[in-house]
Each structure stands twice: as structure tokens, then as C-alpha cells.
Amino acid sequence: MTDRLKDQLRKHRKPVFWTGFSLAVVGLVLYLAQDPATLRVESPVGATDPRFPDYVASLVGAPVLDGDAYTVLHNGDEAYPAMLAAIDNARAHVNFETYVFTDGQIGDRFVDALSRAARRGVVVRIILDPVGSSLGAKSTGQLTEAGAQLAWFNPLGVFSLEDYNYRTHRKTLVVDGDVAFTGGMGVADHWLGDAQDQDHWRDTQFRITGPAVRALDGSFYENWIETGGLSAPALDPEMPARATGARSVVVWSNPMTGASNVKLQYLLAIAAARRTIDLQSPYITLDPSTQWSLDRARERGVRIRILAEGDITDAMPVKHASRYDYQRLLDAGYEVAEYQPTMMHTKAMIVDGIFSIIGSANFGNRSFELNDELTIGVYDPELAAQLIKDFETDLRSSKRLDAATWPKQRSFDGKINEWFWDFFGEMF
């Protein structure tokens, strides 16, 4: 063998090695992302049974909180003024955790409001995720100079590559232990406005008062300790239960295999459905456990409506993976629609017109098993009625899919992408 031939072989070995190594890593990640077992969850208690919140609470290890009040806030025009007003009125402390916080028009307003609070003596604690958030030095400097305490969750580094996959996706603002906000919204300019065009997202945020506020504070303090913050101070006094109002079960989760409390809460709600399930979420990807639960609900005669984002999305690979399941769902009698005007980021599931699940989690494996998430199961016909009304409104701006025509609506490339990205479904 000549020296020239040896040199050529050496040159070709490197790309072949790295290609093989990359494929092996991807294969290992996909293998580890798979559920170790399919969870087959059934519920002898229906969602409309007054005992259902207690049943859920006993299985997820969280208390039932009585007497909460929920206000539904639509898009940035309603949510941001309410959140900023709460910060401006803070007297003792502001605890704020979010996945997305970026510089820009609304980012500057939040930085200013949080800085003003800190300067007047309010204890301001902020947890941001370094993958989703990108505050510049000017903003972070303004916050810290004002006295706000800013922590980054799982900071990224060369020697902590595994942390890239484990993010905090929780979105929680708690002010003085009196009022809290959660939902799908972070802090970025694409959430401004009223979903009026493709540059402004459709989303839902919730303003909460009542005993559930203390539980959301507890979720914040758990991650505050994990980020290296000082031991959490004592929680605010628990608000007394009220005779009227919603009954809430607040759960949060951390990366794990099997069933997180967030995932289990969803599976229990699906298992409790006897009439209807309305599921609205971006990035919907099904694993064997959620597939099994939803299919059993269909077999019981439950009407299942799924409303997801359409081609206007910030995560097209996840959209492809979602669409891979559509034909099977449509053939089984599911109603599937995709929102058309802009990116739809609302996260809500309503069961039998009375039990709702809201919070930060998308309906997919990343939220159920990889991210830190927070969700609330709410037993309240008034909240459920509002969310169903919003669902119906969004449905009028959506494209409803049909089992007979769906195969003809996608290009050959689209079908290949769906097949390919479905392999990564449990990472999404």
C-alpha cells in the first residue's frame, strides 16, 4: 500500500468515525428517552364526581386547596399589564421564574418594574433558564445593581453537557404571597399585542388568588435552592380556605423516568373523562402512555378534540412529529384542528366541562419527563366554561382536518419529515 493511499484512508476514517459516533449518540439518547413501560391509568372516579380532586390529590401526593379564584388573561394585552401592576404594587417580595426572558420592548418594561421594586426594598428573586432566556449585560446589570437576586437554572458549560437537556420550563410569578400568575407566557416581544398577526402569539395566562398561591411559591423556592440560592425563607401564611371558589391540586415535576406528577395528573384526568376532552397545546407528541389513555377514552365514547399550532410555529421538527400521529387519530374518531392566524401557545385541557389542567406544560414527553414544570388541576365549572369558550373561539380560526383528505394535504417531503422526526418524538 502506497503512502498516498494510506493518507487517503486516514482522511476518510475521520468523517466515517464521527458520523458513526454521532449516530450512536443519537441512538443512545433516543433509547434513553423511551418510556420504560406503558402506564395504563384508569380512574373509577369520574371527573364530575365531587370526590375527583381528592382522588387526584391522593395519587400525586399534593393537597386539595379550596377556595381559589382564577382569572383568564388572553395574550399580552391582558396578561402583561396585570403582571406588571402586581410587581409595581409589591410590598414584601416578588418571586419570578420563567423559561423565556429576552431583551426588547416588554423585556425592558419588566426589568424596569423589577428594578423599581428592588430599589424600594422589596425582595426580588428571579430564576431564568439560560437556554430560553437571553438577557444582555445591560439588563442583568440593572437588576443586580438595583438589588434584585438573579439566578440561572442549570448554567451551561463544557463539563455539564447533560444539563443542556434538563431545563426549567416553569412560568411562575408570585407577589407577596397574595397573587400568582402562571400559564404559557414568557417575557418576549412576540407575546405583545392580541395575536393580531403572525408576529404576535396567541397564548393564555392565569391570575390566581387563594390558597394555591402558596403552592406556586413552594415550586419557586424548590428551584431557588437548586440554583444555589440561600435556603428558602418561610412561606407566607397559608391563606384560609374559602367556602366558595375553585378546588385546586398544584403539582410540579423534575426530570425523571416513569410518571412525573405532572404526567400522572394528565393521565388521571383523561382516565376520568366520561363525555368530553378538549386539549389545546402546542408541540403535541404522544408516547405509549398518553396514546393508551386517550384511545381508551375514545373507546368509552368520549369526544376528544385536539387543537394545536399550525405551520406558524417556532419548532417545525416537533410539528412534523405531531403530524405523524394525525391519520391514526382521525381514523379513530378524534377531532383534530390546527390554529392558523399565528403561533398558538395556549396550554389547557378541559375534561367533562368541569376539571381543567393549566400551567406551563406542553402535552409531550419533554414537559412530562425532562423539564421542570408546574401544572394545576382545577375543579371549577366556571373556569372550565371560560376555557371551552376560548377553545371554541380559537377553533373558528383553525383548520379542521379530515381523515379522508389529510393524506392529500401534505407533500412527499412533508411525509418524509413526519416519519423522520417521529423517531425524536419522546425528546420533544
Protein backbone atom coordinates (compact mmCIF):
# COMPACT_ATOMS: atom_id res chain seq x y z
CA MET A 1 0.00 0.00 0.00
CA THR A 2 1.45 3.35 -1.06
CA ASP A 3 1.88 6.26 1.33
CA ARG A 4 -0.59 8.27 -0.75
CA LEU A 5 -3.27 5.58 -0.38
CA LYS A 6 -2.64 5.38 3.36
CA ASP A 7 -3.09 9.15 3.66
CA GLN A 8 -6.39 8.97 1.76
CA LEU A 9 -7.66 6.20 4.04
CA ARG A 10 -6.72 8.21 7.12
CA LYS A 11 -8.61 11.24 5.77
CA HIS A 12 -11.75 9.20 5.17
CA ARG A 13 -11.65 7.42 8.53
CA LYS A 14 -12.24 10.64 10.48
CA PRO A 15 -15.59 11.61 8.91
CA VAL A 16 -16.74 7.98 8.97
CA PHE A 17 -15.79 7.71 12.64
CA TRP A 18 -17.53 10.94 13.63
CA THR A 19 -20.63 10.08 11.58
CA GLY A 20 -20.81 6.69 13.29
CA PHE A 21 -20.17 8.25 16.69
CA SER A 22 -22.90 10.86 16.14
CA LEU A 23 -25.40 8.20 15.09
CA ALA A 24 -24.52 6.13 18.15
CA VAL A 25 -25.05 9.11 20.46
CA VAL A 26 -28.39 9.92 18.83
CA GLY A 27 -29.41 6.28 19.11
CA LEU A 28 -28.48 6.19 22.79
CA VAL A 29 -30.39 9.41 23.52
CA LEU A 30 -33.47 8.10 21.72
CA TYR A 31 -33.24 4.83 23.62
CA LEU A 32 -32.95 6.59 26.98
CA ALA A 33 -35.87 8.88 26.12
CA GLN A 34 -38.25 5.98 25.70
CA ASP A 35 -40.68 5.17 28.48
CA PRO A 36 -39.54 2.09 30.41
CA ALA A 37 -43.16 0.91 30.44
CA THR A 38 -46.56 1.96 29.18
CA LEU A 39 -48.60 3.44 32.01
CA ARG A 40 -52.18 2.18 31.85
CA VAL A 41 -54.06 4.52 34.16
CA GLU A 42 -57.75 4.04 34.88
CA SER A 43 -59.99 6.03 37.20
CA PRO A 44 -63.03 4.58 38.98
CA VAL A 45 -63.97 8.17 39.87
CA GLY A 46 -65.38 10.32 37.10
CA ALA A 47 -64.25 13.90 36.54
CA THR A 48 -67.65 15.31 37.52
CA ASP A 49 -67.66 13.46 40.85
CA PRO A 50 -67.01 15.98 43.67
CA ARG A 51 -64.52 13.49 45.09
CA PHE A 52 -62.33 13.59 41.99
CA PRO A 53 -59.93 16.34 43.19
CA ASP A 54 -59.35 14.34 46.39
CA TYR A 55 -58.74 11.22 44.32
CA VAL A 56 -56.14 13.01 42.17
CA ALA A 57 -54.51 14.56 45.25
CA SER A 58 -54.12 11.20 46.94
CA LEU A 59 -52.23 9.79 43.93
CA VAL A 60 -49.94 12.74 43.20
CA GLY A 61 -49.18 13.45 46.85
CA ALA A 62 -50.43 17.04 46.83
CA PRO A 63 -53.22 18.59 48.90
CA VAL A 64 -56.55 19.81 47.62
CA LEU A 65 -56.68 23.58 48.05
CA ASP A 66 -60.16 25.03 48.49
CA GLY A 67 -61.41 28.47 47.56
CA ASP A 68 -59.14 29.63 44.73
CA ALA A 69 -60.12 32.22 42.14
CA TYR A 70 -58.80 32.16 38.55
CA THR A 71 -58.86 34.98 36.04
CA VAL A 72 -58.15 34.05 32.41
CA LEU A 73 -55.86 36.56 30.69
CA HIS A 74 -55.73 36.47 26.90
CA ASN A 75 -52.49 37.34 25.12
CA GLY A 76 -50.06 40.09 26.01
CA ASP A 77 -52.64 42.88 26.00
CA GLU A 78 -54.35 41.39 29.06
CA ALA A 79 -51.57 39.43 30.76
CA TYR A 80 -48.64 41.84 30.79
CA PRO A 81 -50.44 44.85 32.33
CA ALA A 82 -51.80 42.62 35.12
CA MET A 83 -48.37 41.11 35.84
CA LEU A 84 -46.58 44.47 35.78
CA ALA A 85 -49.22 46.04 38.03
CA ALA A 86 -48.73 43.25 40.56
CA ILE A 87 -44.96 43.89 40.59
CA ASP A 88 -45.49 47.65 40.95
CA ASN A 89 -47.79 47.05 43.92
CA ALA A 90 -45.46 44.57 45.66
CA ARG A 91 -44.77 45.34 49.31
CA ALA A 92 -42.60 42.45 50.55
CA HIS A 93 -41.37 40.08 47.86
CA VAL A 94 -41.55 39.14 44.19
CA ASN A 95 -40.64 35.61 43.11
CA PHE A 96 -40.37 35.25 39.33
CA GLU A 97 -39.35 32.14 37.39
CA THR A 98 -39.62 31.81 33.62
CA TYR A 99 -38.15 29.95 30.69
CA VAL A 100 -38.14 32.85 28.20
CA PHE A 101 -36.98 36.35 29.17
CA THR A 102 -35.39 38.36 26.38
CA ASP A 103 -34.37 41.95 25.82
CA GLY A 104 -36.83 44.07 23.90
CA GLN A 105 -39.81 46.33 24.44
CA ILE A 106 -41.58 44.15 27.02
CA GLY A 107 -38.34 42.81 28.46
CA ASP A 108 -37.24 46.36 29.25
CA ARG A 109 -40.56 47.06 30.98
CA PHE A 110 -40.21 44.00 33.20
CA VAL A 111 -36.58 44.82 34.01
CA ASP A 112 -37.62 48.36 34.96
CA ALA A 113 -40.54 47.18 37.11
CA LEU A 114 -38.47 44.55 38.92
CA SER A 115 -35.65 47.06 39.46
CA ARG A 116 -38.04 49.65 40.88
CA ALA A 117 -39.43 47.06 43.28
CA ALA A 118 -35.96 46.08 44.46
CA ARG A 119 -34.93 49.70 44.98
CA ARG A 120 -37.92 50.40 47.23
CA GLY A 121 -36.94 47.48 49.47
CA VAL A 122 -38.97 44.61 48.00
CA VAL A 123 -37.07 41.30 47.99
CA VAL A 124 -36.90 40.37 44.29
CA ARG A 125 -35.80 36.86 43.34
CA ILE A 126 -35.58 35.82 39.69
CA ILE A 127 -34.84 32.40 38.16
CA LEU A 128 -34.16 32.25 34.43
CA ASP A 129 -33.31 29.39 32.13
CA PRO A 130 -30.16 30.04 30.07
CA VAL A 131 -31.46 28.11 27.04
CA GLY A 132 -34.73 30.01 26.75
CA SER A 133 -33.60 33.39 28.11
CA SER A 134 -31.06 35.81 26.67
CA LEU A 135 -30.90 38.94 28.82
CA GLY A 136 -27.93 41.07 27.96
CA ALA A 137 -25.37 42.55 30.33
CA LYS A 138 -27.21 45.88 30.49
CA SER A 139 -30.42 44.29 31.74
CA THR A 140 -28.78 41.88 34.17
CA GLY A 141 -26.58 44.69 35.45
CA GLN A 142 -29.59 46.94 36.03
CA LEU A 143 -31.34 44.21 38.01
CA THR A 144 -28.40 43.31 40.21
CA GLU A 145 -27.43 46.95 40.82
CA ALA A 146 -30.98 47.61 42.00
CA GLY A 147 -30.64 44.77 44.49
CA ALA A 148 -32.59 42.03 42.70
CA GLN A 149 -31.28 38.50 43.16
CA LEU A 150 -30.87 36.80 39.76
CA ALA A 151 -30.11 33.08 39.40
CA TRP A 152 -29.65 30.93 36.29
CA PHE A 153 -31.03 27.40 36.30
CA ASN A 154 -28.57 24.69 35.22
CA PRO A 155 -25.93 27.05 33.81
CA LEU A 156 -24.43 25.75 30.58
CA GLY A 157 -20.81 24.64 30.47
CA VAL A 158 -18.44 22.30 28.70
CA PHE A 159 -18.33 19.94 31.67
CA SER A 160 -22.09 19.86 32.24
CA LEU A 161 -23.40 18.74 28.86
CA GLU A 162 -26.13 16.64 30.43
CA ASP A 163 -27.65 19.81 31.87
CA TYR A 164 -28.47 21.06 28.36
CA ASN A 165 -31.35 18.59 28.24
CA TYR A 166 -32.82 19.46 31.66
CA ARG A 167 -34.42 22.86 31.72
CA THR A 168 -36.86 24.76 33.88
CA HIS A 169 -39.95 25.44 31.80
CA ARG A 170 -41.97 26.70 34.78
CA LYS A 171 -43.56 30.12 34.42
CA THR A 172 -44.44 31.49 37.83
CA LEU A 173 -44.82 34.98 39.23
CA VAL A 174 -45.77 35.26 42.92
CA VAL A 175 -46.18 38.65 44.62
CA ASP A 176 -46.37 38.98 48.42
CA GLY A 177 -47.97 35.55 48.67
CA ASP A 178 -51.25 37.25 47.70
CA VAL A 179 -51.42 36.80 43.94
CA ALA A 180 -49.75 34.50 41.42
CA PHE A 181 -49.57 34.11 37.66
CA THR A 182 -48.84 31.06 35.53
CA GLY A 183 -49.57 29.80 32.05
CA GLY A 184 -47.80 29.71 28.73
CA MET A 185 -46.31 33.19 28.55
CA GLY A 186 -42.72 34.18 28.98
CA VAL A 187 -41.32 37.69 28.51
CA ALA A 188 -40.62 38.45 24.86
CA ASP A 189 -41.99 40.82 22.25
CA HIS A 190 -43.78 38.11 20.26
CA TRP A 191 -46.24 37.83 23.17
CA LEU A 192 -47.17 41.52 22.92
CA GLY A 193 -50.50 42.57 21.46
CA ASP A 194 -53.60 40.47 20.90
CA ALA A 195 -52.47 37.76 18.47
CA GLN A 196 -53.31 40.19 15.67
CA ASP A 197 -50.78 38.87 13.14
CA GLN A 198 -48.08 36.26 12.60
CA ASP A 199 -45.57 38.19 14.72
CA HIS A 200 -47.76 38.14 17.85
CA TRP A 201 -48.55 34.83 19.53
CA ARG A 202 -51.86 33.51 20.79
CA ASP A 203 -51.46 32.49 24.44
CA THR A 204 -53.23 32.28 27.79
CA GLN A 205 -52.06 33.32 31.24
CA PHE A 206 -53.87 32.92 34.58
CA ARG A 207 -54.10 35.26 37.56
CA ILE A 208 -54.63 33.30 40.77
CA THR A 209 -55.67 34.25 44.27
CA GLY A 210 -56.36 31.92 47.18
CA PRO A 211 -54.52 29.02 48.83
CA ALA A 212 -52.97 27.85 45.53
CA VAL A 213 -50.68 30.90 45.57
CA ARG A 214 -48.69 29.39 48.44
CA ALA A 215 -48.15 26.20 46.46
CA LEU A 216 -46.81 28.15 43.49
CA ASP A 217 -44.42 29.90 45.88
CA GLY A 218 -43.25 26.49 47.08
CA SER A 219 -42.49 25.49 43.50
CA PHE A 220 -40.37 28.61 43.07
CA TYR A 221 -38.43 28.05 46.29
CA GLU A 222 -37.59 24.47 45.30
CA ASN A 223 -35.80 25.72 42.19
CA TRP A 224 -34.36 28.69 44.07
CA ILE A 225 -32.49 26.26 46.30
CA GLU A 226 -31.41 24.19 43.29
CA THR A 227 -29.88 27.26 41.64
CA GLY A 228 -27.67 27.82 44.69
CA GLY A 229 -29.85 30.42 46.35
CA LEU A 230 -29.86 30.63 50.11
CA SER A 231 -32.26 28.40 51.95
CA ALA A 232 -35.77 29.49 51.16
CA PRO A 233 -37.41 31.72 53.74
CA ALA A 234 -40.57 30.59 55.43
CA LEU A 235 -43.57 30.56 53.15
CA ASP A 236 -46.16 33.24 53.55
CA PRO A 237 -49.00 32.34 55.92
CA GLU A 238 -51.40 29.95 54.27
CA MET A 239 -54.50 31.70 53.07
CA PRO A 240 -57.62 30.34 54.75
CA ALA A 241 -59.86 28.07 52.74
CA ARG A 242 -62.98 29.72 51.43
CA ALA A 243 -66.37 28.09 51.21
CA THR A 244 -66.72 29.06 47.56
CA GLY A 245 -64.35 29.02 44.63
CA ALA A 246 -62.26 26.50 42.78
CA ARG A 247 -60.66 23.38 44.24
CA SER A 248 -57.06 23.12 43.09
CA VAL A 249 -54.33 20.47 43.01
CA VAL A 250 -50.95 22.08 42.31
CA VAL A 251 -48.16 19.76 41.19
CA TRP A 252 -44.66 20.29 39.89
CA SER A 253 -42.11 17.96 38.41
CA ASN A 254 -38.41 17.45 37.79
CA PRO A 255 -36.55 15.32 35.22
CA MET A 256 -37.29 11.64 35.80
CA THR A 257 -38.25 8.39 34.14
CA GLY A 258 -41.69 6.89 34.51
CA ALA A 259 -44.56 9.06 35.69
CA SER A 260 -43.91 12.54 36.98
CA ASN A 261 -46.72 14.10 38.98
CA VAL A 262 -47.46 16.40 36.05
CA LYS A 263 -47.82 13.47 33.66
CA LEU A 264 -49.81 11.43 36.18
CA GLN A 265 -52.23 14.31 36.71
CA TYR A 266 -52.90 14.43 32.96
CA LEU A 267 -53.34 10.65 32.73
CA LEU A 268 -55.75 10.62 35.67
CA ALA A 269 -57.82 13.41 34.14
CA ILE A 270 -58.03 11.56 30.82
CA ALA A 271 -58.97 8.36 32.64
CA ALA A 272 -61.73 10.22 34.49
CA ALA A 273 -63.32 11.57 31.30
CA ARG A 274 -66.80 10.22 30.61
CA ARG A 275 -68.05 12.70 27.98
CA THR A 276 -65.51 15.18 26.59
CA ILE A 277 -61.81 16.05 26.45
CA ASP A 278 -60.75 19.36 24.91
CA LEU A 279 -56.96 19.52 24.60
CA GLN A 280 -55.26 22.72 23.47
CA SER A 281 -51.47 22.77 23.34
CA PRO A 282 -48.55 23.43 21.03
CA TYR A 283 -45.99 20.68 20.44
CA ILE A 284 -48.38 17.76 20.97
CA THR A 285 -46.48 14.49 20.83
CA LEU A 286 -47.89 11.22 22.12
CA ASP A 287 -45.99 8.43 23.83
CA PRO A 288 -47.37 4.92 24.52
CA SER A 289 -48.87 6.02 27.86
CA THR A 290 -50.76 9.04 26.55
CA GLN A 291 -51.80 7.13 23.42
CA TRP A 292 -53.20 4.30 25.53
CA SER A 293 -55.11 6.65 27.82
CA LEU A 294 -56.63 8.70 25.02
CA ASP A 295 -57.54 5.61 23.00
CA ARG A 296 -59.32 4.08 25.99
CA ALA A 297 -61.26 7.32 26.38
CA ARG A 298 -62.34 7.13 22.73
CA GLU A 299 -63.44 3.52 23.27
CA ARG A 300 -65.62 4.74 26.15
CA GLY A 301 -67.31 7.12 23.71
CA VAL A 302 -65.53 10.28 24.91
CA ARG A 303 -65.44 13.06 22.33
CA ILE A 304 -61.81 14.18 22.03
CA ARG A 305 -60.93 17.47 20.37
CA ILE A 306 -57.29 18.41 19.84
CA LEU A 307 -56.26 21.95 18.91
CA ALA A 308 -52.58 22.50 18.11
CA GLU A 309 -50.48 25.12 16.38
CA GLY A 310 -50.23 25.00 12.58
CA ASP A 311 -47.46 25.81 10.12
CA ILE A 312 -46.72 29.03 12.01
CA THR A 313 -44.58 27.51 14.72
CA ASP A 314 -41.22 28.09 16.36
CA ALA A 315 -40.44 24.34 16.36
CA MET A 316 -41.14 22.79 12.95
CA PRO A 317 -39.45 19.44 13.76
CA VAL A 318 -41.89 19.00 16.65
CA LYS A 319 -44.78 19.93 14.33
CA HIS A 320 -43.67 17.19 11.93
CA ALA A 321 -43.53 14.67 14.79
CA SER A 322 -47.03 15.71 15.91
CA ARG A 323 -48.48 15.27 12.45
CA TYR A 324 -47.16 11.74 12.17
CA ASP A 325 -49.97 10.64 14.54
CA TYR A 326 -52.78 12.60 12.93
CA GLN A 327 -54.02 9.96 10.50
CA ARG A 328 -54.36 7.33 13.19
CA LEU A 329 -56.18 9.80 15.45
CA LEU A 330 -58.54 10.95 12.72
CA ASP A 331 -59.34 7.35 11.74
CA ALA A 332 -60.20 6.63 15.40
CA GLY A 333 -62.70 9.49 15.54
CA TYR A 334 -60.59 12.18 17.18
CA GLU A 335 -61.30 15.76 16.08
CA VAL A 336 -58.01 17.48 15.18
CA ALA A 337 -57.52 21.11 14.20
CA GLU A 338 -54.57 23.45 13.66
CA TYR A 339 -54.66 27.14 14.55
CA GLN A 340 -53.96 29.32 11.51
CA PRO A 341 -53.54 33.08 12.25
CA THR A 342 -50.31 32.89 14.26
CA MET A 343 -48.35 30.70 16.66
CA MET A 344 -50.76 29.19 19.21
CA HIS A 345 -49.07 28.62 22.59
CA THR A 346 -52.04 28.12 24.95
CA LYS A 347 -51.84 25.12 27.29
CA ALA A 348 -55.13 23.83 28.68
CA MET A 349 -57.08 20.59 28.90
CA ILE A 350 -60.73 20.53 29.95
CA VAL A 351 -62.47 17.30 30.93
CA ASP A 352 -66.26 16.87 31.07
CA GLY A 353 -66.76 20.62 31.37
CA ILE A 354 -65.58 20.75 34.99
CA PHE A 355 -61.94 19.68 35.52
CA SER A 356 -59.19 21.69 33.83
CA ILE A 357 -55.41 21.35 33.76
CA ILE A 358 -53.48 24.59 33.22
CA GLY A 359 -49.88 25.68 33.72
CA SER A 360 -46.56 25.58 31.91
CA ALA A 361 -46.52 22.04 30.48
CA ASN A 362 -46.96 21.18 26.84
CA PHE A 363 -48.63 17.87 26.02
CA GLY A 364 -45.44 15.95 25.26
CA ASN A 365 -42.62 13.93 26.74
CA ARG A 366 -40.23 16.85 27.25
CA SER A 367 -42.72 18.52 29.57
CA PHE A 368 -43.82 15.27 31.18
CA GLU A 369 -40.38 13.80 31.91
CA LEU A 370 -37.47 16.14 31.10
CA ASN A 371 -38.34 19.71 32.06
CA ASP A 372 -39.15 21.22 35.42
CA GLU A 373 -42.85 22.06 35.01
CA LEU A 374 -45.82 23.24 37.06
CA THR A 375 -49.47 22.44 36.42
CA ILE A 376 -52.70 22.94 38.32
CA GLY A 377 -55.71 20.66 38.21
CA VAL A 378 -58.74 22.88 38.80
CA TYR A 379 -62.19 21.57 39.70
CA ASP A 380 -64.36 24.51 38.75
CA PRO A 381 -67.18 24.65 36.18
CA GLU A 382 -66.77 28.41 35.74
CA LEU A 383 -63.11 28.18 34.73
CA ALA A 384 -63.87 25.18 32.51
CA ALA A 385 -66.69 27.09 30.80
CA GLN A 386 -64.38 30.04 30.07
CA LEU A 387 -61.67 27.76 28.67
CA ILE A 388 -64.17 25.91 26.48
CA LYS A 389 -65.47 29.26 25.20
CA ASP A 390 -61.89 30.27 24.34
CA PHE A 391 -61.33 26.86 22.71
CA GLU A 392 -64.39 27.35 20.52
CA THR A 393 -63.24 30.86 19.57
CA ASP A 394 -59.80 29.58 18.56
CA LEU A 395 -61.40 26.68 16.71
CA ARG A 396 -63.17 29.14 14.41
CA SER A 397 -59.73 30.39 13.33
CA SER A 398 -58.37 26.89 12.80
CA LYS A 399 -58.24 24.33 10.02
CA ARG A 400 -60.15 21.19 10.91
CA LEU A 401 -58.56 18.07 9.50
CA ASP A 402 -60.43 15.27 7.78
CA ALA A 403 -59.39 11.61 7.73
CA ALA A 404 -60.20 11.24 4.03
CA THR A 405 -58.36 14.34 2.80
CA TRP A 406 -55.46 14.59 5.27
CA PRO A 407 -53.13 12.30 3.23
CA LYS A 408 -53.55 14.57 0.20
CA GLN A 409 -52.78 17.77 2.11
CA ARG A 410 -49.10 17.01 2.69
CA SER A 411 -46.25 16.93 0.24
CA PHE A 412 -43.96 13.95 -0.16
CA ASP A 413 -41.25 15.90 1.69
CA GLY A 414 -43.70 16.62 4.49
CA LYS A 415 -44.48 12.94 4.92
CA ILE A 416 -40.78 12.08 4.99
CA ASN A 417 -40.20 14.75 7.64
CA GLU A 418 -43.07 13.39 9.74
CA TRP A 419 -41.66 9.87 9.55
CA PHE A 420 -38.14 11.05 10.41
CA TRP A 421 -38.98 13.42 13.28
CA ASP A 422 -41.36 10.91 14.85
CA PHE A 423 -38.25 9.00 15.97
CA PHE A 424 -37.41 12.00 18.16
CA GLY A 425 -40.96 12.40 19.49
CA GLU A 426 -40.16 11.45 23.06
CA MET A 427 -37.40 14.07 23.19
CA PHE A 428 -39.91 16.81 22.30
